[in-house]
Amino acid sequence: MSTTTTSNNKPKLRLWVLSWGLFPRRVTIYLEEKGISDDFDVIPVNIGADGKMNSPPGKPNGTLPLLEIAPPSNDEATPGKYVYQSIAILEYIEEMYAGRGPSMLGATPEERAQSRDLLTVLDEAVAFLTCYSHHASGIYAPLVVPQSPETARIALDRAHKVLSLLETMSCCDGPYLVTSKQPMIVDCVAMATIQFYANVYGVDLASEKHPRLARMYEAFYGRESAKWDAVVVPQGMVEVAKRMSVK
């Protein structure tokens, strides 16, 4: 099994991503902000015309993102070790690279506690948004039978309420959610969420309903890490996904 190495001749950790995916973009935005993206072998996974994931050779089973923290042995007698959940991946990398780049979970116990608090609330909002999209988007119509517009309305309303709570918990000085100085992990996660729902489903989460999120989005939007221009989402899929029965 061939490996690539960092500038310190250490093997690069392999990271499988879907470039436009909600959870993978949490990690890729973070790596750019942390300044360590070159230390990882980022392997793109694509969606084919049939809607199925095209897995590159060597990718183990699992959703995306997927971080390999220990490769399998050359004869594959010893399996590799992997981290599958995006928040766990982010915290693992932040801990492993504590001496590199800015501290992005928090420089103090108070900042770290607030970061984890906000991440928990943000993931609750994403859970409601996922329920909403499953019941409102045309892309899921063949999969979720029957879709329920009432369930979609309730889920979207709950998502907005949770995002409003997130805003009241955030740093009031801004523009970022924990500190005014720089984006943190929670800002990367929030940015990925806003971009994903805007570009895939046509749902604006950084609107007048959420002025605090809008302020964070405006500050983050121009940063190199958050550029969406090079992200390619299958156009046919987006056209169907944006057919939302509830907005």
Protein backbone atom coordinates (compact mmCIF):
# COMPACT_ATOMS: atom_id res chain seq x y z
CA MET A 1 0.00 0.00 0.00
CA SER A 2 1.59 3.28 -1.13
CA THR A 3 1.50 6.30 1.15
CA THR A 4 2.28 9.97 0.81
CA THR A 5 4.22 11.88 3.43
CA THR A 6 4.21 15.31 5.01
CA SER A 7 7.13 17.75 4.94
CA ASN A 8 8.34 16.02 8.12
CA ASN A 9 8.38 12.67 6.29
CA LYS A 10 5.47 11.41 8.36
CA PRO A 11 2.80 9.41 6.53
CA LYS A 12 -0.19 11.56 5.65
CA LEU A 13 -3.47 10.59 7.21
CA ARG A 14 -6.01 9.61 4.58
CA LEU A 15 -9.29 11.50 4.61
CA TRP A 16 -12.14 10.55 2.28
CA VAL A 17 -14.61 13.34 1.50
CA LEU A 18 -17.49 14.33 -0.73
CA SER A 19 -16.48 17.87 -1.71
CA TRP A 20 -19.96 19.37 -1.42
CA GLY A 21 -21.27 17.20 1.40
CA LEU A 22 -22.49 18.83 4.60
CA PHE A 23 -20.36 16.83 7.02
CA PRO A 24 -17.18 16.53 4.90
CA ARG A 25 -17.11 20.31 4.36
CA ARG A 26 -17.01 20.79 8.11
CA VAL A 27 -13.62 19.10 8.03
CA THR A 28 -12.19 20.56 4.80
CA ILE A 29 -13.06 24.13 5.84
CA TYR A 30 -11.45 23.49 9.22
CA LEU A 31 -8.24 22.07 7.70
CA GLU A 32 -7.79 25.19 5.58
CA GLU A 33 -8.43 27.50 8.53
CA LYS A 34 -6.02 25.50 10.70
CA GLY A 35 -3.40 25.66 7.93
CA ILE A 36 -2.76 21.91 7.89
CA SER A 37 -4.60 20.67 4.80
CA ASP A 38 -1.28 19.69 3.17
CA ASP A 39 -0.68 17.21 6.01
CA PHE A 40 -3.63 15.10 4.86
CA ASP A 41 -4.19 12.92 1.84
CA VAL A 42 -7.68 14.19 0.99
CA ILE A 43 -9.33 11.67 -1.31
CA PRO A 44 -12.45 12.83 -3.18
CA VAL A 45 -15.43 10.51 -3.50
CA ASN A 46 -18.00 11.29 -6.17
CA ILE A 47 -21.66 10.57 -6.82
CA GLY A 48 -22.29 8.87 -10.16
CA ALA A 49 -25.10 9.51 -12.63
CA ASP A 50 -26.96 6.63 -11.03
CA GLY A 51 -26.91 8.45 -7.68
CA LYS A 52 -24.55 5.93 -6.13
CA MET A 53 -21.25 6.69 -4.44
CA ASN A 54 -18.17 5.86 -6.50
CA SER A 55 -15.73 4.53 -3.94
CA PRO A 56 -12.05 4.89 -4.88
CA PRO A 57 -9.74 1.90 -4.35
CA GLY A 58 -8.74 1.47 -0.72
CA LYS A 59 -11.72 3.25 0.80
CA PRO A 60 -13.18 1.21 3.66
CA ASN A 61 -16.91 0.96 4.18
CA GLY A 62 -18.41 3.95 5.89
CA THR A 63 -20.07 7.31 5.43
CA LEU A 64 -18.21 10.52 4.68
CA PRO A 65 -16.05 12.10 5.99
CA LEU A 66 -13.88 9.15 6.96
CA LEU A 67 -10.47 9.63 8.59
CA GLU A 68 -7.89 6.87 8.75
CA ILE A 69 -5.89 7.26 11.96
CA ALA A 70 -3.94 4.00 11.59
CA PRO A 71 -3.45 2.31 8.20
CA PRO A 72 -3.87 -1.44 7.73
CA SER A 73 -0.72 -3.52 7.57
CA ASN A 74 0.79 -4.14 4.13
CA ASP A 75 -0.59 -7.66 4.09
CA GLU A 76 -3.88 -6.36 5.55
CA ALA A 77 -3.61 -8.86 8.39
CA THR A 78 -4.07 -5.95 10.79
CA PRO A 79 -7.04 -3.74 9.92
CA GLY A 80 -6.82 0.03 9.92
CA LYS A 81 -8.41 2.30 12.48
CA TYR A 82 -10.90 4.96 11.43
CA VAL A 83 -12.96 7.83 12.80
CA TYR A 84 -16.37 8.22 11.17
CA GLN A 85 -18.13 11.16 12.79
CA SER A 86 -17.23 14.70 11.70
CA ILE A 87 -17.16 16.26 15.19
CA ALA A 88 -14.98 13.42 16.48
CA ILE A 89 -12.66 13.91 13.48
CA LEU A 90 -12.42 17.65 14.15
CA GLU A 91 -11.64 17.22 17.84
CA TYR A 92 -9.12 14.44 17.12
CA ILE A 93 -7.23 16.58 14.61
CA GLU A 94 -7.37 19.64 16.88
CA GLU A 95 -5.85 17.59 19.70
CA MET A 96 -3.19 16.02 17.48
CA TYR A 97 -2.23 19.43 16.04
CA ALA A 98 -2.45 21.40 19.27
CA GLY A 99 0.91 23.03 18.59
CA ARG A 100 0.11 24.01 15.00
CA GLY A 101 -1.93 26.91 13.76
CA PRO A 102 -4.60 28.73 15.76
CA SER A 103 -6.43 27.08 18.64
CA MET A 104 -9.81 26.35 17.10
CA LEU A 105 -11.69 24.67 19.92
CA GLY A 106 -10.78 27.40 22.39
CA ALA A 107 -7.75 28.85 24.12
CA THR A 108 -9.35 28.69 27.58
CA PRO A 109 -11.58 26.18 29.41
CA GLU A 110 -14.44 28.68 29.06
CA GLU A 111 -14.01 28.97 25.28
CA ARG A 112 -13.76 25.20 24.89
CA ALA A 113 -16.89 24.68 26.96
CA GLN A 114 -18.77 27.26 24.91
CA SER A 115 -17.54 25.70 21.66
CA ARG A 116 -18.78 22.25 22.67
CA ASP A 117 -22.05 23.74 23.89
CA LEU A 118 -22.66 25.48 20.55
CA LEU A 119 -21.62 22.40 18.55
CA THR A 120 -24.20 20.31 20.41
CA VAL A 121 -26.94 22.85 19.70
CA LEU A 122 -25.89 23.17 16.06
CA ASP A 123 -26.02 19.42 15.57
CA GLU A 124 -29.54 19.44 17.04
CA ALA A 125 -30.53 22.00 14.41
CA VAL A 126 -28.97 19.85 11.68
CA ALA A 127 -31.00 16.84 12.88
CA PHE A 128 -34.22 18.85 12.43
CA LEU A 129 -33.03 20.18 9.05
CA THR A 130 -32.32 16.62 7.92
CA CYS A 131 -35.85 15.57 8.89
CA TYR A 132 -37.20 18.63 7.07
CA SER A 133 -35.31 17.91 3.84
CA HIS A 134 -36.28 14.24 3.90
CA HIS A 135 -39.96 15.18 4.02
CA ALA A 136 -39.89 18.26 1.78
CA SER A 137 -37.28 17.74 -0.97
CA GLY A 138 -37.99 16.11 -4.29
CA ILE A 139 -34.73 14.21 -4.08
CA TYR A 140 -36.16 12.09 -1.27
CA ALA A 141 -39.62 11.60 -2.75
CA PRO A 142 -38.82 8.08 -4.05
CA LEU A 143 -37.13 7.14 -0.75
CA VAL A 144 -39.38 8.52 1.99
CA VAL A 145 -42.86 7.12 1.37
CA PRO A 146 -45.02 8.88 2.17
CA GLN A 147 -43.40 12.28 2.63
CA SER A 148 -45.26 14.40 5.17
CA PRO A 149 -45.51 18.17 4.56
CA GLU A 150 -46.74 18.58 8.14
CA THR A 151 -43.66 16.80 9.48
CA ALA A 152 -41.51 19.00 7.23
CA ARG A 153 -43.14 22.17 8.59
CA ILE A 154 -42.69 21.09 12.19
CA ALA A 155 -39.04 20.09 11.62
CA LEU A 156 -38.22 23.37 9.85
CA ASP A 157 -39.88 25.39 12.61
CA ARG A 158 -37.92 23.46 15.26
CA ALA A 159 -34.68 23.99 13.32
CA HIS A 160 -35.25 27.76 13.25
CA LYS A 161 -36.00 27.80 16.98
CA VAL A 162 -32.79 25.90 17.74
CA LEU A 163 -30.77 28.24 15.51
CA SER A 164 -32.31 31.20 17.34
CA LEU A 165 -31.18 29.63 20.61
CA LEU A 166 -27.70 29.20 19.12
CA GLU A 167 -27.61 32.92 18.37
CA THR A 168 -28.47 33.90 21.96
CA MET A 169 -25.67 31.63 23.22
CA SER A 170 -23.03 33.05 20.87
CA CYS A 171 -20.40 35.69 21.53
CA CYS A 172 -22.23 39.01 21.29
CA ASP A 173 -19.22 40.94 19.96
CA GLY A 174 -18.85 38.78 16.88
CA PRO A 175 -18.58 38.37 14.06
CA TYR A 176 -17.67 34.78 14.94
CA LEU A 177 -19.66 32.65 17.34
CA VAL A 178 -17.14 32.11 20.17
CA THR A 179 -14.59 34.87 19.76
CA SER A 180 -14.28 37.97 17.62
CA LYS A 181 -10.67 37.14 16.76
CA GLN A 182 -11.00 34.21 14.33
CA PRO A 183 -13.25 31.40 13.13
CA MET A 184 -13.37 28.39 15.43
CA ILE A 185 -14.51 24.81 14.82
CA VAL A 186 -18.12 25.77 15.48
CA ASP A 187 -17.90 28.53 12.85
CA CYS A 188 -16.58 26.00 10.31
CA VAL A 189 -19.51 23.72 11.12
CA ALA A 190 -22.02 26.57 10.92
CA MET A 191 -20.54 27.80 7.63
CA ALA A 192 -20.72 24.33 6.09
CA THR A 193 -24.35 24.03 7.20
CA ILE A 194 -25.40 27.39 5.75
CA GLN A 195 -23.63 26.76 2.44
CA PHE A 196 -24.97 23.23 2.06
CA TYR A 197 -28.61 24.13 2.59
CA ALA A 198 -28.35 27.23 0.38
CA ASN A 199 -26.60 25.54 -2.54
CA VAL A 200 -28.21 22.10 -2.46
CA TYR A 201 -31.75 22.82 -1.21
CA GLY A 202 -32.11 26.55 -1.83
CA VAL A 203 -32.85 27.18 1.87
CA ASP A 204 -31.41 30.39 3.34
CA LEU A 205 -30.41 29.96 6.99
CA ALA A 206 -28.41 33.21 7.15
CA SER A 207 -31.44 35.42 6.55
CA GLU A 208 -33.26 38.06 8.54
CA LYS A 209 -34.53 35.27 10.79
CA HIS A 210 -31.00 34.73 12.05
CA PRO A 211 -29.07 38.02 11.97
CA ARG A 212 -26.27 36.66 14.17
CA LEU A 213 -25.64 33.77 11.79
CA ALA A 214 -25.86 36.18 8.87
CA ARG A 215 -23.12 38.33 10.43
CA MET A 216 -20.89 35.29 10.89
CA TYR A 217 -21.60 34.14 7.32
CA GLU A 218 -20.73 37.53 5.84
CA ALA A 219 -17.41 37.60 7.73
CA PHE A 220 -16.56 34.02 6.76
CA TYR A 221 -17.78 34.04 3.16
CA GLY A 222 -14.73 35.75 1.66
CA ARG A 223 -12.19 33.50 3.34
CA GLU A 224 -10.30 31.08 1.08
CA SER A 225 -11.38 28.09 3.16
CA ALA A 226 -15.08 28.67 2.46
CA LYS A 227 -14.92 29.26 -1.31
CA TRP A 228 -17.72 27.32 -2.98
CA ASP A 229 -16.71 28.15 -6.59
CA ALA A 230 -14.67 24.99 -7.14
CA VAL A 231 -17.27 22.73 -5.55
CA VAL A 232 -19.14 20.70 -8.14
CA VAL A 233 -22.57 19.41 -7.18
CA PRO A 234 -24.33 17.20 -9.76
CA GLN A 235 -26.63 19.75 -11.41
CA GLY A 236 -29.44 17.34 -12.13
CA MET A 237 -29.49 16.31 -8.49
CA VAL A 238 -29.66 19.92 -7.30
CA GLU A 239 -32.57 20.71 -9.60
CA VAL A 240 -34.57 17.90 -8.01
CA ALA A 241 -33.34 18.62 -4.47
CA LYS A 242 -34.50 22.27 -4.65
CA ARG A 243 -38.09 21.21 -5.35
CA MET A 244 -39.15 21.80 -1.76
CA SER A 245 -42.80 21.28 -0.88
CA VAL A 246 -42.39 23.36 2.29
CA LYS A 247 -40.30 26.55 2.70
